[in-house]
Amino acid sequence: MSKLGTLGARLHRGEIGYDFVGKRKIWYGISILITITAILGLTVRGLNMGIEFQGGAVFTTEKTSVSVSQAETYAQNASGHDAVVQKLGNGGLRIQVAGIDTDKSDKIKDELAKDLNVDSEKINADLVGPSWGDQIANKAWEGLAIFMVLVVIYLAIAFEWRMAVAALVALIHDITITVGIYALVGFEVTPGTVIGLLTILGYSLYDTVVVFDSLKEQTKDITKQTRYTYSEIADRSINGTLVRSINTTVVALLPVAGLLFIGGGVLGAGVLNDISLSLFVGLAAGAYSSIFIATPLVADLKEREPQMKALRKRVLAKRAQAAAKGEPLETEVTEVMLDDEPEDDGPMVVGPRNQPASRNRGRGRPSGKRR
């Protein structure tokens, strides 16, 4: 078994662990700082919305020797708006101009044909009206809102409302960070970005639900024991699924990183950036929030309940008595016994064990072979 597998097994059994819930204020502070930075970036720089959301035109040319920078200058002069130019694999250009009226596209197309020294008939123009772009934006926000509502309803039914609230906070955290990174980097927001956002929310929920399911299973009869508090059992749930969450996230991040850094950066396939950046940032943020935000927040909400407060008092009182008698304290989450199974304190002995006398069994009996 590899070292990582051994570590995962020891974490799952509770032999070792990290106090995630106990240090939750640190994680909350880090998340608040990152979120504020993302909001500032979104407020100051704003989002670079694609033509699908604000209307415009996309001109695709055949192979040409004109550079990207020259084509940007030509497109800006012809349209009077900022243009985004990308080099295609066949040597052609993809010129995107947002915010122009569709009835001016023919004039812009003719001017581009002169500047680029290509035939006007061989320039393909795809037009998007501003009203259609508004509809796309509204549908995207509606889809996101419906997704959030359905998630909260499902988690409230499958688990409880505190877990639903914690998961919703984690999802908002992930979306805010991803959108803020888009604003800071300046990547274009397209329908692919929306698809990426919905995808990473699913990944974030997956990790969160795995921890929540483990936590729900281990806290069924939590008030019947006096060994551990709710927060300590929540820590055990996080540690028990930690390696699994890390492995899932790393496996998902590797191909996305290939799309972002190799496909979009090295090979220059800029059309991949819109979805790969949202997936890369969202997957990392989702793994972080499921471990450092969602479960500690559930523990915070649960510890406010009268039953959990009473449980904490009983646990602390029992540990104080054990400390006064010089007995070892059970402060680490090593093995949570919430059912009626006996602890494994050694081999169980039931009845007398006069095994040496068994050597004389069978002698003198008719069915015995020894005589």
Protein backbone atom coordinates (compact mmCIF):
# COMPACT_ATOMS: atom_id res chain seq x y z
CA MET A 1 0.00 0.00 0.00
CA SER A 2 1.34 3.44 -0.90
CA LYS A 3 2.06 6.12 1.69
CA LEU A 4 -0.98 8.09 0.57
CA GLY A 5 -3.17 5.02 0.88
CA THR A 6 -1.79 4.31 4.35
CA LEU A 7 -2.42 7.92 5.35
CA GLY A 8 -5.98 7.73 4.05
CA ALA A 9 -6.64 4.51 5.97
CA ARG A 10 -5.29 5.99 9.21
CA LEU A 11 -7.36 9.13 8.70
CA HIS A 12 -10.47 7.04 8.05
CA ARG A 13 -9.91 4.94 11.19
CA GLY A 14 -9.33 8.07 13.27
CA GLU A 15 -5.77 7.15 14.28
CA ILE A 16 -4.57 10.58 13.15
CA GLY A 17 -6.40 13.75 12.22
CA TYR A 18 -6.31 17.51 11.82
CA ASP A 19 -8.49 19.90 13.81
CA PHE A 20 -10.35 21.57 10.94
CA VAL A 21 -13.33 22.67 13.01
CA GLY A 22 -11.22 23.94 15.89
CA LYS A 23 -9.31 26.26 13.54
CA ARG A 24 -12.43 27.32 11.63
CA LYS A 25 -11.95 31.02 12.41
CA ILE A 26 -8.69 30.94 10.42
CA TRP A 27 -10.45 29.39 7.42
CA TYR A 28 -13.34 31.83 7.69
CA GLY A 29 -10.89 34.72 7.71
CA ILE A 30 -9.03 33.43 4.64
CA SER A 31 -12.30 32.92 2.76
CA ILE A 32 -13.58 36.37 3.67
CA LEU A 33 -10.31 37.94 2.47
CA ILE A 34 -10.41 36.07 -0.85
CA THR A 35 -14.10 36.87 -1.33
CA ILE A 36 -13.55 40.59 -0.66
CA THR A 37 -10.70 40.62 -3.19
CA ALA A 38 -12.95 38.93 -5.77
CA ILE A 39 -15.77 41.42 -5.14
CA LEU A 40 -13.39 44.38 -5.46
CA GLY A 41 -12.07 42.99 -8.75
CA LEU A 42 -15.61 42.53 -9.99
CA THR A 43 -16.58 46.06 -8.93
CA VAL A 44 -13.50 47.84 -10.28
CA ARG A 45 -12.82 45.95 -13.49
CA GLY A 46 -16.16 44.33 -14.23
CA LEU A 47 -16.75 41.32 -16.45
CA ASN A 48 -15.70 41.09 -20.06
CA MET A 49 -19.01 39.92 -21.44
CA GLY A 50 -19.01 38.11 -24.77
CA ILE A 51 -21.17 39.03 -27.71
CA GLU A 52 -23.65 36.32 -26.73
CA PHE A 53 -24.64 38.52 -23.78
CA GLN A 54 -24.30 42.05 -25.15
CA GLY A 55 -24.72 41.57 -28.91
CA GLY A 56 -22.21 42.08 -31.70
CA ALA A 57 -20.60 40.25 -34.59
CA VAL A 58 -17.96 37.61 -35.19
CA PHE A 59 -16.02 37.73 -38.46
CA THR A 60 -14.08 34.64 -39.53
CA THR A 61 -11.53 35.01 -42.34
CA GLU A 62 -9.57 32.57 -44.45
CA LYS A 63 -5.81 32.20 -44.14
CA THR A 64 -4.03 35.55 -44.02
CA SER A 65 -0.57 36.89 -43.23
CA VAL A 66 -1.90 39.79 -41.13
CA SER A 67 -0.86 39.57 -37.47
CA VAL A 68 -3.30 39.54 -34.56
CA SER A 69 -2.28 43.02 -33.38
CA GLN A 70 -2.71 44.49 -36.85
CA ALA A 71 -6.12 42.86 -37.23
CA GLU A 72 -7.23 44.30 -33.88
CA THR A 73 -6.28 47.78 -35.07
CA TYR A 74 -8.12 47.31 -38.37
CA ALA A 75 -11.26 46.00 -36.62
CA GLN A 76 -11.31 48.85 -34.10
CA ASN A 77 -10.94 51.46 -36.82
CA ALA A 78 -13.67 49.87 -38.91
CA SER A 79 -16.20 49.41 -36.09
CA GLY A 80 -15.31 52.07 -33.55
CA HIS A 81 -15.42 49.44 -30.81
CA ASP A 82 -12.87 47.27 -29.06
CA ALA A 83 -12.18 44.02 -30.89
CA VAL A 84 -10.88 40.61 -29.80
CA VAL A 85 -8.86 38.75 -32.43
CA GLN A 86 -7.76 35.12 -32.24
CA LYS A 87 -5.55 33.14 -34.61
CA LEU A 88 -7.21 29.98 -35.88
CA GLY A 89 -5.53 26.68 -36.60
CA ASN A 90 -5.93 27.05 -40.39
CA GLY A 91 -4.14 30.42 -40.39
CA GLY A 92 -7.35 32.44 -40.47
CA LEU A 93 -8.57 35.00 -37.97
CA ARG A 94 -11.59 35.17 -35.67
CA ILE A 95 -12.49 38.82 -35.14
CA GLN A 96 -15.06 39.51 -32.45
CA VAL A 97 -16.60 42.97 -32.12
CA ALA A 98 -19.14 43.51 -29.34
CA GLY A 99 -21.74 46.23 -28.95
CA ILE A 100 -22.27 47.07 -32.66
CA ASP A 101 -25.56 47.27 -34.54
CA THR A 102 -26.14 44.30 -36.78
CA ASP A 103 -27.14 46.53 -39.71
CA LYS A 104 -23.59 47.96 -39.76
CA SER A 105 -21.97 44.56 -40.14
CA ASP A 106 -21.83 44.68 -43.95
CA LYS A 107 -19.93 47.97 -43.92
CA ILE A 108 -17.47 46.67 -41.30
CA LYS A 109 -17.04 43.48 -43.30
CA ASP A 110 -16.13 45.39 -46.47
CA GLU A 111 -13.58 47.56 -44.66
CA LEU A 112 -12.00 44.51 -43.04
CA ALA A 113 -11.73 42.84 -46.46
CA LYS A 114 -9.78 45.83 -47.80
CA ASP A 115 -7.47 46.09 -44.78
CA LEU A 116 -6.81 42.37 -44.59
CA ASN A 117 -6.48 42.04 -48.37
CA VAL A 118 -8.99 39.19 -48.63
CA ASP A 119 -12.16 38.66 -50.60
CA SER A 120 -15.23 40.05 -48.84
CA GLU A 121 -17.27 37.02 -49.87
CA LYS A 122 -14.87 34.74 -48.05
CA ILE A 123 -15.40 36.49 -44.69
CA ASN A 124 -18.08 34.74 -42.67
CA ALA A 125 -20.11 37.00 -40.35
CA ASP A 126 -22.14 35.69 -37.41
CA LEU A 127 -24.43 38.33 -35.89
CA VAL A 128 -25.98 38.46 -32.44
CA GLY A 129 -28.61 41.08 -31.65
CA PRO A 130 -28.56 42.86 -28.26
CA SER A 131 -32.08 41.67 -27.36
CA TRP A 132 -31.08 38.04 -27.93
CA GLY A 133 -27.98 38.63 -25.80
CA ASP A 134 -30.15 39.96 -22.96
CA GLN A 135 -32.30 36.85 -23.18
CA ILE A 136 -29.25 34.62 -22.93
CA ALA A 137 -28.02 36.52 -19.85
CA ASN A 138 -31.42 36.34 -18.16
CA LYS A 139 -31.73 32.62 -18.88
CA ALA A 140 -28.27 32.04 -17.43
CA TRP A 141 -29.16 33.81 -14.17
CA GLU A 142 -32.52 32.02 -14.01
CA GLY A 143 -30.82 28.65 -14.45
CA LEU A 144 -28.33 29.46 -11.70
CA ALA A 145 -31.09 30.58 -9.31
CA ILE A 146 -33.20 27.46 -10.00
CA PHE A 147 -30.14 25.28 -9.42
CA MET A 148 -29.53 26.92 -6.03
CA VAL A 149 -33.15 26.53 -4.92
CA LEU A 150 -33.27 22.86 -5.90
CA VAL A 151 -30.00 22.18 -4.09
CA VAL A 152 -31.26 23.76 -0.87
CA ILE A 153 -34.55 21.83 -1.02
CA TYR A 154 -32.80 18.53 -1.67
CA LEU A 155 -30.24 18.94 1.12
CA ALA A 156 -32.91 20.08 3.57
CA ILE A 157 -34.92 16.92 2.85
CA ALA A 158 -32.01 14.46 2.61
CA PHE A 159 -30.08 15.87 5.58
CA GLU A 160 -31.32 18.93 7.51
CA TRP A 161 -31.74 22.65 7.01
CA ARG A 162 -28.42 23.52 8.70
CA MET A 163 -26.53 21.45 6.16
CA ALA A 164 -28.56 23.04 3.36
CA VAL A 165 -27.61 26.52 4.61
CA ALA A 166 -23.93 25.57 4.91
CA ALA A 167 -23.90 24.08 1.39
CA LEU A 168 -25.57 27.22 -0.01
CA VAL A 169 -22.95 29.45 1.64
CA ALA A 170 -20.19 27.25 0.19
CA LEU A 171 -21.71 27.45 -3.31
CA ILE A 172 -22.03 31.24 -3.14
CA HIS A 173 -18.41 31.34 -1.95
CA ASP A 174 -17.29 29.28 -4.96
CA ILE A 175 -19.27 31.33 -7.50
CA THR A 176 -18.05 34.66 -6.09
CA ILE A 177 -14.40 33.60 -6.21
CA THR A 178 -14.69 32.20 -9.75
CA VAL A 179 -16.48 35.28 -11.10
CA GLY A 180 -13.99 37.56 -9.31
CA ILE A 181 -11.06 35.72 -10.90
CA TYR A 182 -12.70 36.21 -14.30
CA ALA A 183 -12.92 39.94 -13.64
CA LEU A 184 -9.29 40.18 -12.49
CA VAL A 185 -7.90 38.10 -15.37
CA GLY A 186 -10.13 39.71 -17.98
CA PHE A 187 -11.19 36.51 -19.72
CA GLU A 188 -14.32 36.72 -21.80
CA VAL A 189 -17.59 35.48 -20.30
CA THR A 190 -19.45 33.24 -22.74
CA PRO A 191 -22.16 30.57 -22.48
CA GLY A 192 -19.28 28.15 -21.97
CA THR A 193 -18.44 30.04 -18.79
CA VAL A 194 -21.97 29.50 -17.50
CA ILE A 195 -21.70 25.79 -18.31
CA GLY A 196 -18.41 25.69 -16.43
CA LEU A 197 -19.97 27.39 -13.40
CA LEU A 198 -22.83 24.89 -13.25
CA THR A 199 -20.33 22.04 -13.62
CA ILE A 200 -18.08 23.15 -10.79
CA LEU A 201 -21.11 23.63 -8.52
CA GLY A 202 -21.88 19.98 -9.08
CA TYR A 203 -18.32 18.99 -8.15
CA SER A 204 -18.44 21.21 -5.06
CA LEU A 205 -21.72 19.64 -3.95
CA TYR A 206 -20.30 16.16 -4.49
CA ASP A 207 -17.47 16.69 -2.00
CA THR A 208 -19.79 18.44 0.45
CA VAL A 209 -22.46 15.72 0.33
CA VAL A 210 -19.83 13.00 0.89
CA VAL A 211 -18.73 14.68 4.13
CA PHE A 212 -22.32 15.41 5.16
CA ASP A 213 -23.33 11.78 4.62
CA SER A 214 -20.48 10.58 6.81
CA LEU A 215 -21.37 13.17 9.46
CA LYS A 216 -25.04 12.18 9.42
CA GLU A 217 -24.17 8.50 9.81
CA GLN A 218 -21.84 9.09 12.76
CA THR A 219 -24.17 11.40 14.68
CA LYS A 220 -27.34 9.29 14.67
CA ASP A 221 -27.25 8.64 18.43
CA ILE A 222 -24.76 11.28 19.42
CA THR A 223 -26.61 12.31 22.60
CA LYS A 224 -26.40 8.74 23.98
CA GLN A 225 -22.62 8.95 24.42
CA THR A 226 -20.36 11.25 26.42
CA ARG A 227 -17.04 10.76 24.67
CA TYR A 228 -17.11 13.35 21.88
CA THR A 229 -18.85 16.60 21.01
CA TYR A 230 -20.53 17.29 17.68
CA SER A 231 -17.57 19.37 16.50
CA GLU A 232 -15.13 16.56 17.23
CA ILE A 233 -17.23 14.07 15.27
CA ALA A 234 -17.46 16.59 12.43
CA ASP A 235 -13.65 16.67 12.42
CA ARG A 236 -13.58 12.90 12.13
CA SER A 237 -15.94 13.05 9.16
CA ILE A 238 -13.69 15.55 7.36
CA ASN A 239 -10.53 13.56 8.08
CA GLY A 240 -12.19 10.30 7.05
CA THR A 241 -13.03 11.63 3.58
CA LEU A 242 -10.04 13.97 3.18
CA VAL A 243 -7.85 11.81 0.95
CA ARG A 244 -10.85 10.84 -1.17
CA SER A 245 -11.73 14.50 -1.74
CA ILE A 246 -8.12 15.36 -2.60
CA ASN A 247 -7.80 12.47 -5.04
CA THR A 248 -11.10 13.34 -6.76
CA THR A 249 -10.13 17.00 -7.08
CA VAL A 250 -6.62 16.33 -8.39
CA VAL A 251 -7.88 13.84 -10.99
CA ALA A 252 -10.46 16.39 -12.17
CA LEU A 253 -7.97 19.29 -12.18
CA LEU A 254 -5.31 17.59 -14.32
CA PRO A 255 -7.23 17.52 -17.63
CA VAL A 256 -8.71 20.96 -16.94
CA ALA A 257 -5.21 22.32 -16.34
CA GLY A 258 -4.17 20.81 -19.67
CA LEU A 259 -6.99 22.69 -21.41
CA LEU A 260 -6.19 25.96 -19.68
CA PHE A 261 -2.40 26.12 -19.67
CA ILE A 262 -1.48 23.99 -22.68
CA GLY A 263 -4.50 24.35 -24.95
CA GLY A 264 -5.24 28.01 -24.19
CA GLY A 265 -1.76 29.22 -23.23
CA VAL A 266 0.82 27.27 -25.23
CA LEU A 267 -1.21 26.29 -28.30
CA GLY A 268 -3.16 29.53 -28.40
CA ALA A 269 -6.63 28.00 -28.51
CA GLY A 270 -8.24 30.95 -26.78
CA VAL A 271 -11.76 29.59 -27.22
CA LEU A 272 -10.93 27.04 -24.51
CA ASN A 273 -10.15 29.70 -21.91
CA ASP A 274 -13.74 30.67 -21.18
CA ILE A 275 -14.76 27.24 -19.87
CA SER A 276 -11.40 25.89 -18.65
CA LEU A 277 -10.71 28.83 -16.31
CA SER A 278 -14.11 28.53 -14.63
CA LEU A 279 -13.60 24.78 -14.21
CA PHE A 280 -10.06 25.13 -12.84
CA VAL A 281 -10.81 27.87 -10.32
CA GLY A 282 -14.20 26.42 -9.40
CA LEU A 283 -12.91 22.90 -8.76
CA ALA A 284 -10.17 24.18 -6.46
CA ALA A 285 -12.55 26.54 -4.64
CA GLY A 286 -15.17 23.79 -4.35
CA ALA A 287 -12.75 21.34 -2.73
CA TYR A 288 -11.62 24.06 -0.32
CA SER A 289 -15.14 25.13 0.65
CA SER A 290 -16.40 21.59 1.26
CA ILE A 291 -13.59 20.95 3.77
CA PHE A 292 -12.92 24.34 5.34
CA ILE A 293 -16.28 26.12 5.06
CA ALA A 294 -19.33 23.84 4.79
CA THR A 295 -18.67 21.28 7.54
CA PRO A 296 -17.24 23.74 10.12
CA LEU A 297 -20.26 25.96 9.50
CA VAL A 298 -22.61 23.02 10.15
CA ALA A 299 -20.74 22.33 13.40
CA ASP A 300 -21.15 26.00 14.39
CA LEU A 301 -24.90 25.88 13.76
CA LYS A 302 -25.39 22.52 15.51
CA GLU A 303 -23.41 23.54 18.60
CA ARG A 304 -26.01 26.27 19.19
CA GLU A 305 -28.73 23.68 19.82
CA PRO A 306 -29.66 23.04 23.50
CA GLN A 307 -29.03 19.30 23.11
CA MET A 308 -25.54 19.85 21.71
CA LYS A 309 -24.76 22.40 24.43
CA ALA A 310 -25.83 19.89 27.08
CA LEU A 311 -23.74 17.18 25.38
CA ARG A 312 -20.68 19.42 25.40
CA LYS A 313 -21.12 20.07 29.13
CA ARG A 314 -21.37 16.33 29.86
CA VAL A 315 -18.31 15.54 27.74
CA LEU A 316 -16.22 18.26 29.38
CA ALA A 317 -17.42 17.24 32.86
CA LYS A 318 -16.48 13.61 32.22
CA ARG A 319 -13.04 14.64 30.98
CA ALA A 320 -12.54 16.86 34.04
CA GLN A 321 -13.34 13.91 36.29
CA ALA A 322 -10.95 11.69 34.37
CA ALA A 323 -8.21 14.33 34.64
CA ALA A 324 -8.75 14.61 38.40
CA LYS A 325 -8.38 10.83 38.78
CA GLY A 326 -5.28 10.81 36.58
CA GLU A 327 -6.98 8.76 33.88
CA PRO A 328 -6.09 9.33 30.19
CA LEU A 329 -8.24 11.94 28.47
CA GLU A 330 -10.23 11.08 25.34
CA THR A 331 -9.68 14.36 23.56
CA GLU A 332 -8.67 13.02 20.16
CA VAL A 333 -11.22 11.75 17.68
CA THR A 334 -9.78 8.27 17.36
CA GLU A 335 -12.75 5.95 17.34
CA VAL A 336 -16.35 7.13 17.61
CA MET A 337 -18.56 4.46 19.21
CA LEU A 338 -22.13 5.66 18.78
CA ASP A 339 -23.85 2.27 18.80
CA ASP A 340 -24.02 -0.52 21.34
CA GLU A 341 -21.02 -2.47 20.06
CA PRO A 342 -18.46 -3.24 22.78
CA GLU A 343 -15.01 -1.73 22.57
CA ASP A 344 -12.22 -4.01 21.48
CA ASP A 345 -10.18 -4.21 24.72
CA GLY A 346 -8.72 -7.61 23.93
CA PRO A 347 -10.00 -11.10 23.21
CA MET A 348 -13.46 -11.68 24.68
CA VAL A 349 -13.56 -14.55 27.23
CA VAL A 350 -16.91 -16.26 27.80
CA GLY A 351 -17.15 -19.13 30.35
CA PRO A 352 -14.32 -21.32 31.71
CA ARG A 353 -11.40 -22.10 29.48
CA ASN A 354 -10.14 -25.53 30.61
CA GLN A 355 -8.69 -26.36 27.22
CA PRO A 356 -5.80 -28.57 28.42
CA ALA A 357 -8.34 -31.17 29.54
CA SER A 358 -9.47 -31.54 25.95
CA ARG A 359 -6.51 -33.80 25.25
CA ASN A 360 -8.29 -36.66 27.07
CA ARG A 361 -11.57 -36.19 25.17
CA GLY A 362 -12.67 -39.25 23.18
CA ARG A 363 -10.67 -41.81 25.12
CA GLY A 364 -12.72 -44.80 26.23
CA ARG A 365 -15.65 -43.84 24.05
CA PRO A 366 -17.03 -46.27 21.48
CA SER A 367 -16.70 -43.74 18.74
CA GLY A 368 -13.20 -42.67 19.71
CA LYS A 369 -10.27 -43.91 17.69
CA ARG A 370 -7.92 -43.84 20.67
CA ARG A 371 -7.98 -46.76 23.09
